[in-house]
Amino acid sequence: QVQLVESGGGSVQAGGSLRLSCAASLYTRSYNYMGWFRQAPGKEREGVATIYTADGSTIYADSVKARFTISQDNAKNTVYLQMDSLKPEDTAAYYCAAGRSSSSWWHSPLREASYNYWGQGTQVTVSS
């Protein structure tokens, strides 16, 4: 089993920055990629960014390209999401996720069903 714990959420004004962290606790390396999703009130959860842990390949949703950066520290089993130039529409609960199936990642990297493990979420609020 993999447990994921997010941290770093909070409130910020538009144009500001936040960095989210996701620490994975596990006995063995049982995932191949990690990602960040978000869910705003009344909306479906959407994939934001993902990273393939073996080679650091990344994929971003169009809505966050050039503003968000996903990175990893494999020694710490931790993934980060650096969020810059934040907008009010970025307000949401942000969730960390991890997945096993490499084929799922290559076919649908930002799809919920591609992920096996989920964190509890952390709130990000951006005010105008």
N, C-alpha and C. Protein backbone atom coordinates (compact mmCIF):
# COMPACT_ATOMS: atom_id res chain seq x y z
N GLN A 1 0.83 -1.19 0.00
CA GLN A 1 0.00 0.00 0.00
C GLN A 1 0.87 1.25 0.00
N VAL A 2 0.34 2.30 -0.55
CA VAL A 2 1.04 3.58 -0.59
C VAL A 2 0.16 4.61 0.09
N GLN A 3 0.72 5.34 1.01
CA GLN A 3 0.00 6.44 1.63
C GLN A 3 0.61 7.75 1.15
N LEU A 4 -0.25 8.67 0.78
CA LEU A 4 0.19 9.95 0.24
C LEU A 4 -0.31 11.06 1.15
N VAL A 5 0.59 11.97 1.52
CA VAL A 5 0.23 13.07 2.40
C VAL A 5 0.62 14.38 1.74
N GLU A 6 -0.38 15.20 1.46
CA GLU A 6 -0.13 16.51 0.85
C GLU A 6 0.07 17.58 1.92
N SER A 7 0.81 18.61 1.54
CA SER A 7 0.98 19.78 2.40
C SER A 7 1.29 20.98 1.52
N GLY A 8 1.17 22.17 2.09
CA GLY A 8 1.56 23.39 1.37
C GLY A 8 0.42 24.22 0.84
N GLY A 9 -0.80 23.77 1.02
CA GLY A 9 -1.92 24.57 0.55
C GLY A 9 -2.10 25.82 1.40
N GLY A 10 -2.97 26.70 0.95
CA GLY A 10 -3.22 27.92 1.70
C GLY A 10 -3.92 28.95 0.84
N SER A 11 -3.91 30.18 1.33
CA SER A 11 -4.56 31.29 0.62
C SER A 11 -3.51 32.25 0.09
N VAL A 12 -3.74 32.75 -1.11
CA VAL A 12 -2.78 33.65 -1.74
C VAL A 12 -3.55 34.59 -2.66
N GLN A 13 -2.98 35.74 -2.92
CA GLN A 13 -3.61 36.67 -3.86
C GLN A 13 -3.23 36.30 -5.29
N ALA A 14 -4.08 36.72 -6.21
CA ALA A 14 -3.81 36.46 -7.62
C ALA A 14 -2.43 36.98 -7.99
N GLY A 15 -1.71 36.18 -8.78
CA GLY A 15 -0.35 36.52 -9.16
C GLY A 15 0.70 35.94 -8.23
N GLY A 16 0.28 35.42 -7.10
CA GLY A 16 1.20 34.86 -6.14
C GLY A 16 1.58 33.42 -6.45
N SER A 17 2.34 32.83 -5.52
CA SER A 17 2.86 31.47 -5.71
C SER A 17 2.62 30.62 -4.47
N LEU A 18 2.51 29.33 -4.70
CA LEU A 18 2.47 28.34 -3.63
C LEU A 18 3.20 27.10 -4.12
N ARG A 19 3.74 26.34 -3.18
CA ARG A 19 4.35 25.06 -3.52
C ARG A 19 3.69 23.97 -2.70
N LEU A 20 3.13 22.99 -3.38
CA LEU A 20 2.54 21.84 -2.73
C LEU A 20 3.55 20.70 -2.68
N SER A 21 3.48 19.92 -1.60
CA SER A 21 4.33 18.75 -1.45
C SER A 21 3.47 17.52 -1.25
N CYS A 22 3.97 16.39 -1.72
CA CYS A 22 3.27 15.12 -1.53
C CYS A 22 4.32 14.08 -1.15
N ALA A 23 4.24 13.61 0.08
CA ALA A 23 5.17 12.60 0.57
C ALA A 23 4.50 11.24 0.52
N ALA A 24 5.21 10.28 -0.10
CA ALA A 24 4.68 8.92 -0.21
C ALA A 24 5.38 8.02 0.80
N SER A 25 4.60 7.32 1.56
CA SER A 25 5.16 6.34 2.48
C SER A 25 4.85 4.96 1.93
N LEU A 26 5.85 4.12 1.88
CA LEU A 26 5.65 2.81 1.28
C LEU A 26 6.77 1.89 1.71
N TYR A 27 6.48 0.59 1.65
CA TYR A 27 7.50 -0.39 1.97
C TYR A 27 8.35 -0.72 0.76
N THR A 28 7.72 -0.77 -0.37
CA THR A 28 8.44 -1.03 -1.62
C THR A 28 7.97 -0.03 -2.65
N ARG A 29 8.76 0.17 -3.67
CA ARG A 29 8.39 1.12 -4.70
C ARG A 29 7.29 0.50 -5.55
N SER A 30 6.06 0.84 -5.24
CA SER A 30 4.95 0.18 -5.92
C SER A 30 4.17 1.13 -6.82
N TYR A 31 4.80 2.19 -7.25
CA TYR A 31 4.16 3.07 -8.21
C TYR A 31 5.21 3.53 -9.21
N ASN A 32 4.77 3.92 -10.38
CA ASN A 32 5.68 4.35 -11.44
C ASN A 32 5.53 5.83 -11.80
N TYR A 33 4.45 6.44 -11.35
CA TYR A 33 4.23 7.85 -11.67
C TYR A 33 3.37 8.47 -10.60
N MET A 34 3.46 9.77 -10.50
CA MET A 34 2.66 10.53 -9.56
C MET A 34 2.08 11.75 -10.26
N GLY A 35 0.96 12.20 -9.74
CA GLY A 35 0.31 13.34 -10.37
C GLY A 35 -0.43 14.19 -9.37
N TRP A 36 -0.84 15.35 -9.86
CA TRP A 36 -1.66 16.27 -9.08
C TRP A 36 -2.98 16.49 -9.82
N PHE A 37 -4.04 16.42 -9.04
CA PHE A 37 -5.38 16.69 -9.55
C PHE A 37 -5.98 17.82 -8.72
N ARG A 38 -7.05 18.41 -9.22
CA ARG A 38 -7.75 19.42 -8.44
C ARG A 38 -9.24 19.33 -8.69
N GLN A 39 -9.98 19.78 -7.69
CA GLN A 39 -11.44 19.77 -7.80
C GLN A 39 -11.99 21.03 -7.18
N ALA A 40 -12.62 21.84 -8.00
CA ALA A 40 -13.28 23.04 -7.53
C ALA A 40 -14.73 22.71 -7.17
N PRO A 41 -15.34 23.50 -6.29
CA PRO A 41 -16.73 23.24 -5.91
C PRO A 41 -17.65 23.17 -7.11
N GLY A 42 -18.45 22.11 -7.19
CA GLY A 42 -19.40 21.96 -8.28
C GLY A 42 -18.81 21.49 -9.59
N LYS A 43 -17.51 21.18 -9.59
CA LYS A 43 -16.85 20.74 -10.82
C LYS A 43 -16.25 19.36 -10.64
N GLU A 44 -15.97 18.71 -11.76
CA GLU A 44 -15.33 17.40 -11.70
C GLU A 44 -13.84 17.56 -11.40
N ARG A 45 -13.27 16.49 -10.86
CA ARG A 45 -11.84 16.50 -10.60
C ARG A 45 -11.09 16.47 -11.94
N GLU A 46 -10.06 17.28 -12.05
CA GLU A 46 -9.28 17.33 -13.29
C GLU A 46 -7.80 17.13 -13.02
N GLY A 47 -7.14 16.49 -13.96
CA GLY A 47 -5.70 16.30 -13.86
C GLY A 47 -4.97 17.59 -14.17
N VAL A 48 -3.96 17.89 -13.37
CA VAL A 48 -3.21 19.14 -13.52
C VAL A 48 -1.81 18.89 -14.08
N ALA A 49 -1.10 17.93 -13.46
CA ALA A 49 0.27 17.65 -13.88
C ALA A 49 0.64 16.25 -13.41
N THR A 50 1.57 15.65 -14.12
CA THR A 50 2.02 14.31 -13.74
C THR A 50 3.48 14.13 -14.11
N ILE A 51 4.15 13.22 -13.39
CA ILE A 51 5.56 12.96 -13.63
C ILE A 51 5.81 11.46 -13.58
N TYR A 52 6.56 10.97 -14.56
CA TYR A 52 6.94 9.56 -14.59
C TYR A 52 8.25 9.46 -13.82
N THR A 53 8.23 8.72 -12.71
CA THR A 53 9.33 8.80 -11.76
C THR A 53 10.66 8.28 -12.29
N ALA A 54 10.64 7.31 -13.20
CA ALA A 54 11.89 6.71 -13.67
C ALA A 54 12.74 7.70 -14.47
N ASP A 55 12.11 8.52 -15.31
CA ASP A 55 12.91 9.40 -16.17
C ASP A 55 12.54 10.87 -16.04
N GLY A 56 11.57 11.18 -15.17
CA GLY A 56 11.21 12.58 -14.95
C GLY A 56 10.36 13.21 -16.03
N SER A 57 9.82 12.41 -16.94
CA SER A 57 8.94 12.96 -17.97
C SER A 57 7.73 13.59 -17.33
N THR A 58 7.31 14.73 -17.86
CA THR A 58 6.17 15.46 -17.27
C THR A 58 5.13 15.79 -18.33
N ILE A 59 3.91 15.92 -17.87
CA ILE A 59 2.79 16.33 -18.73
C ILE A 59 1.92 17.27 -17.92
N TYR A 60 1.42 18.32 -18.60
CA TYR A 60 0.62 19.33 -17.92
C TYR A 60 -0.71 19.54 -18.64
N ALA A 61 -1.72 19.91 -17.88
CA ALA A 61 -2.97 20.36 -18.47
C ALA A 61 -2.72 21.71 -19.12
N ASP A 62 -3.43 21.99 -20.19
CA ASP A 62 -3.24 23.25 -20.91
C ASP A 62 -3.47 24.45 -20.00
N SER A 63 -4.39 24.31 -19.06
CA SER A 63 -4.76 25.44 -18.20
C SER A 63 -3.65 25.88 -17.26
N VAL A 64 -2.64 25.04 -17.05
CA VAL A 64 -1.57 25.38 -16.11
C VAL A 64 -0.18 25.41 -16.74
N LYS A 65 -0.09 25.10 -18.02
CA LYS A 65 1.22 25.10 -18.69
C LYS A 65 1.88 26.46 -18.55
N ALA A 66 3.17 26.43 -18.32
CA ALA A 66 4.00 27.63 -18.17
C ALA A 66 3.79 28.34 -16.84
N ARG A 67 2.84 27.86 -16.03
CA ARG A 67 2.63 28.46 -14.70
C ARG A 67 2.95 27.47 -13.57
N PHE A 68 2.66 26.20 -13.78
CA PHE A 68 2.90 25.17 -12.77
C PHE A 68 4.07 24.30 -13.19
N THR A 69 4.81 23.81 -12.19
CA THR A 69 5.93 22.90 -12.44
C THR A 69 5.87 21.75 -11.46
N ILE A 70 5.85 20.55 -11.98
CA ILE A 70 5.91 19.35 -11.13
C ILE A 70 7.34 18.84 -11.10
N SER A 71 7.79 18.42 -9.92
CA SER A 71 9.15 17.91 -9.78
C SER A 71 9.16 16.84 -8.71
N GLN A 72 10.30 16.15 -8.60
CA GLN A 72 10.35 15.05 -7.64
C GLN A 72 11.69 15.00 -6.94
N ASP A 73 11.67 14.44 -5.76
CA ASP A 73 12.88 14.12 -5.01
C ASP A 73 12.75 12.64 -4.69
N ASN A 74 13.37 11.81 -5.51
CA ASN A 74 13.20 10.36 -5.34
C ASN A 74 13.77 9.86 -4.02
N ALA A 75 14.80 10.51 -3.52
CA ALA A 75 15.39 10.08 -2.25
C ALA A 75 14.41 10.26 -1.10
N LYS A 76 13.52 11.22 -1.25
CA LYS A 76 12.53 11.50 -0.20
C LYS A 76 11.15 10.96 -0.54
N ASN A 77 11.02 10.30 -1.71
CA ASN A 77 9.70 9.83 -2.16
C ASN A 77 8.68 10.96 -2.13
N THR A 78 9.09 12.11 -2.61
CA THR A 78 8.26 13.30 -2.54
C THR A 78 8.13 13.95 -3.91
N VAL A 79 6.93 14.40 -4.20
CA VAL A 79 6.66 15.14 -5.43
C VAL A 79 6.17 16.53 -5.05
N TYR A 80 6.57 17.51 -5.85
CA TYR A 80 6.21 18.89 -5.58
C TYR A 80 5.40 19.46 -6.75
N LEU A 81 4.57 20.44 -6.44
CA LEU A 81 3.90 21.20 -7.48
C LEU A 81 4.12 22.68 -7.18
N GLN A 82 5.00 23.30 -7.96
CA GLN A 82 5.24 24.72 -7.82
C GLN A 82 4.21 25.46 -8.66
N MET A 83 3.44 26.32 -8.03
CA MET A 83 2.37 27.04 -8.72
C MET A 83 2.67 28.52 -8.70
N ASP A 84 2.91 29.08 -9.86
CA ASP A 84 3.21 30.50 -10.01
C ASP A 84 2.10 31.20 -10.79
N SER A 85 2.09 32.51 -10.71
CA SER A 85 1.09 33.31 -11.43
C SER A 85 -0.32 32.77 -11.21
N LEU A 86 -0.63 32.52 -9.95
CA LEU A 86 -1.91 31.90 -9.62
C LEU A 86 -3.08 32.82 -9.97
N LYS A 87 -4.17 32.19 -10.37
CA LYS A 87 -5.39 32.90 -10.76
C LYS A 87 -6.54 32.44 -9.86
N PRO A 88 -7.57 33.27 -9.72
CA PRO A 88 -8.73 32.84 -8.91
C PRO A 88 -9.32 31.51 -9.38
N GLU A 89 -9.24 31.24 -10.67
CA GLU A 89 -9.79 29.97 -11.18
C GLU A 89 -8.94 28.76 -10.82
N ASP A 90 -7.79 28.99 -10.19
CA ASP A 90 -6.98 27.87 -9.68
C ASP A 90 -7.47 27.42 -8.31
N THR A 91 -8.41 28.14 -7.73
CA THR A 91 -8.95 27.77 -6.42
C THR A 91 -9.61 26.40 -6.49
N ALA A 92 -9.16 25.50 -5.62
CA ALA A 92 -9.67 24.13 -5.63
C ALA A 92 -9.01 23.36 -4.50
N ALA A 93 -9.53 22.16 -4.26
CA ALA A 93 -8.84 21.19 -3.43
C ALA A 93 -7.89 20.43 -4.34
N TYR A 94 -6.63 20.36 -3.95
CA TYR A 94 -5.60 19.70 -4.76
C TYR A 94 -5.26 18.35 -4.15
N TYR A 95 -5.23 17.35 -5.01
CA TYR A 95 -4.98 15.98 -4.58
C TYR A 95 -3.74 15.42 -5.25
N CYS A 96 -2.96 14.70 -4.48
CA CYS A 96 -1.83 13.97 -4.99
C CYS A 96 -2.27 12.54 -5.28
N ALA A 97 -1.70 11.93 -6.33
CA ALA A 97 -2.06 10.57 -6.66
C ALA A 97 -0.84 9.83 -7.19
N ALA A 98 -0.86 8.51 -7.08
CA ALA A 98 0.22 7.68 -7.59
C ALA A 98 -0.36 6.50 -8.37
N GLY A 99 0.34 6.06 -9.39
CA GLY A 99 -0.17 4.98 -10.22
C GLY A 99 0.89 3.96 -10.57
N ARG A 100 0.45 2.76 -10.94
CA ARG A 100 1.36 1.65 -11.23
C ARG A 100 1.53 1.37 -12.71
N SER A 101 0.46 1.46 -13.48
CA SER A 101 0.47 0.95 -14.86
C SER A 101 1.11 1.94 -15.83
N SER A 102 2.28 1.56 -16.31
CA SER A 102 2.98 2.45 -17.24
C SER A 102 2.17 2.67 -18.52
N SER A 103 1.49 1.64 -18.99
CA SER A 103 0.69 1.79 -20.21
C SER A 103 -0.44 2.77 -19.99
N SER A 104 -1.01 2.78 -18.78
CA SER A 104 -2.07 3.74 -18.48
C SER A 104 -1.53 5.16 -18.53
N TRP A 105 -0.33 5.32 -18.01
CA TRP A 105 0.26 6.67 -18.01
C TRP A 105 0.52 7.16 -19.42
N TRP A 106 1.05 6.30 -20.27
CA TRP A 106 1.35 6.71 -21.64
C TRP A 106 0.08 6.99 -22.44
N HIS A 107 -1.01 6.30 -22.12
CA HIS A 107 -2.25 6.52 -22.86
C HIS A 107 -3.10 7.64 -22.27
N SER A 108 -3.17 7.70 -20.96
CA SER A 108 -4.06 8.66 -20.30
C SER A 108 -3.42 9.21 -19.04
N PRO A 109 -2.40 10.02 -19.18
CA PRO A 109 -1.61 10.46 -18.02
C PRO A 109 -2.35 11.33 -17.03
N LEU A 110 -3.39 12.04 -17.48
CA LEU A 110 -4.12 12.91 -16.56
C LEU A 110 -5.54 12.42 -16.30
N ARG A 111 -5.75 11.17 -16.45
CA ARG A 111 -7.06 10.58 -16.20
C ARG A 111 -7.09 9.95 -14.82
N GLU A 112 -8.16 10.20 -14.06
CA GLU A 112 -8.27 9.67 -12.70
C GLU A 112 -8.09 8.16 -12.64
N ALA A 113 -8.68 7.47 -13.60
CA ALA A 113 -8.67 6.01 -13.58
C ALA A 113 -7.28 5.42 -13.74
N SER A 114 -6.32 6.23 -14.16
CA SER A 114 -4.94 5.75 -14.33
C SER A 114 -4.19 5.68 -13.00
N TYR A 115 -4.79 6.14 -11.93
CA TYR A 115 -4.11 6.24 -10.64
C TYR A 115 -4.73 5.30 -9.61
N ASN A 116 -3.88 4.72 -8.76
CA ASN A 116 -4.31 3.72 -7.80
C ASN A 116 -4.40 4.24 -6.37
N TYR A 117 -3.61 5.24 -6.06
CA TYR A 117 -3.53 5.73 -4.68
C TYR A 117 -3.77 7.24 -4.66
N TRP A 118 -4.46 7.67 -3.59
CA TRP A 118 -4.83 9.08 -3.51
C TRP A 118 -4.57 9.64 -2.12
N GLY A 119 -4.18 10.91 -2.09
CA GLY A 119 -4.07 11.59 -0.81
C GLY A 119 -5.39 12.20 -0.41
N GLN A 120 -5.39 12.86 0.75
CA GLN A 120 -6.62 13.43 1.29
C GLN A 120 -6.93 14.81 0.73
N GLY A 121 -5.96 15.45 0.15
CA GLY A 121 -6.19 16.75 -0.47
C GLY A 121 -5.75 17.91 0.40
N THR A 122 -5.44 19.01 -0.25
CA THR A 122 -5.09 20.24 0.43
C THR A 122 -5.74 21.41 -0.32
N GLN A 123 -6.26 22.36 0.42
CA GLN A 123 -7.03 23.45 -0.20
C GLN A 123 -6.11 24.58 -0.65
N VAL A 124 -6.38 25.06 -1.84
CA VAL A 124 -5.70 26.24 -2.38
C VAL A 124 -6.77 27.27 -2.74
N THR A 125 -6.62 28.46 -2.18
CA THR A 125 -7.58 29.53 -2.43
C THR A 125 -6.85 30.75 -2.96
N VAL A 126 -7.26 31.22 -4.13
CA VAL A 126 -6.63 32.37 -4.76
C VAL A 126 -7.66 33.49 -4.84
N SER A 127 -7.34 34.60 -4.21
CA SER A 127 -8.27 35.73 -4.20
C SER A 127 -7.85 36.79 -5.21
N SER A 128 -8.84 37.47 -5.75
CA SER A 128 -8.56 38.49 -6.77
C SER A 128 -8.27 39.85 -6.16
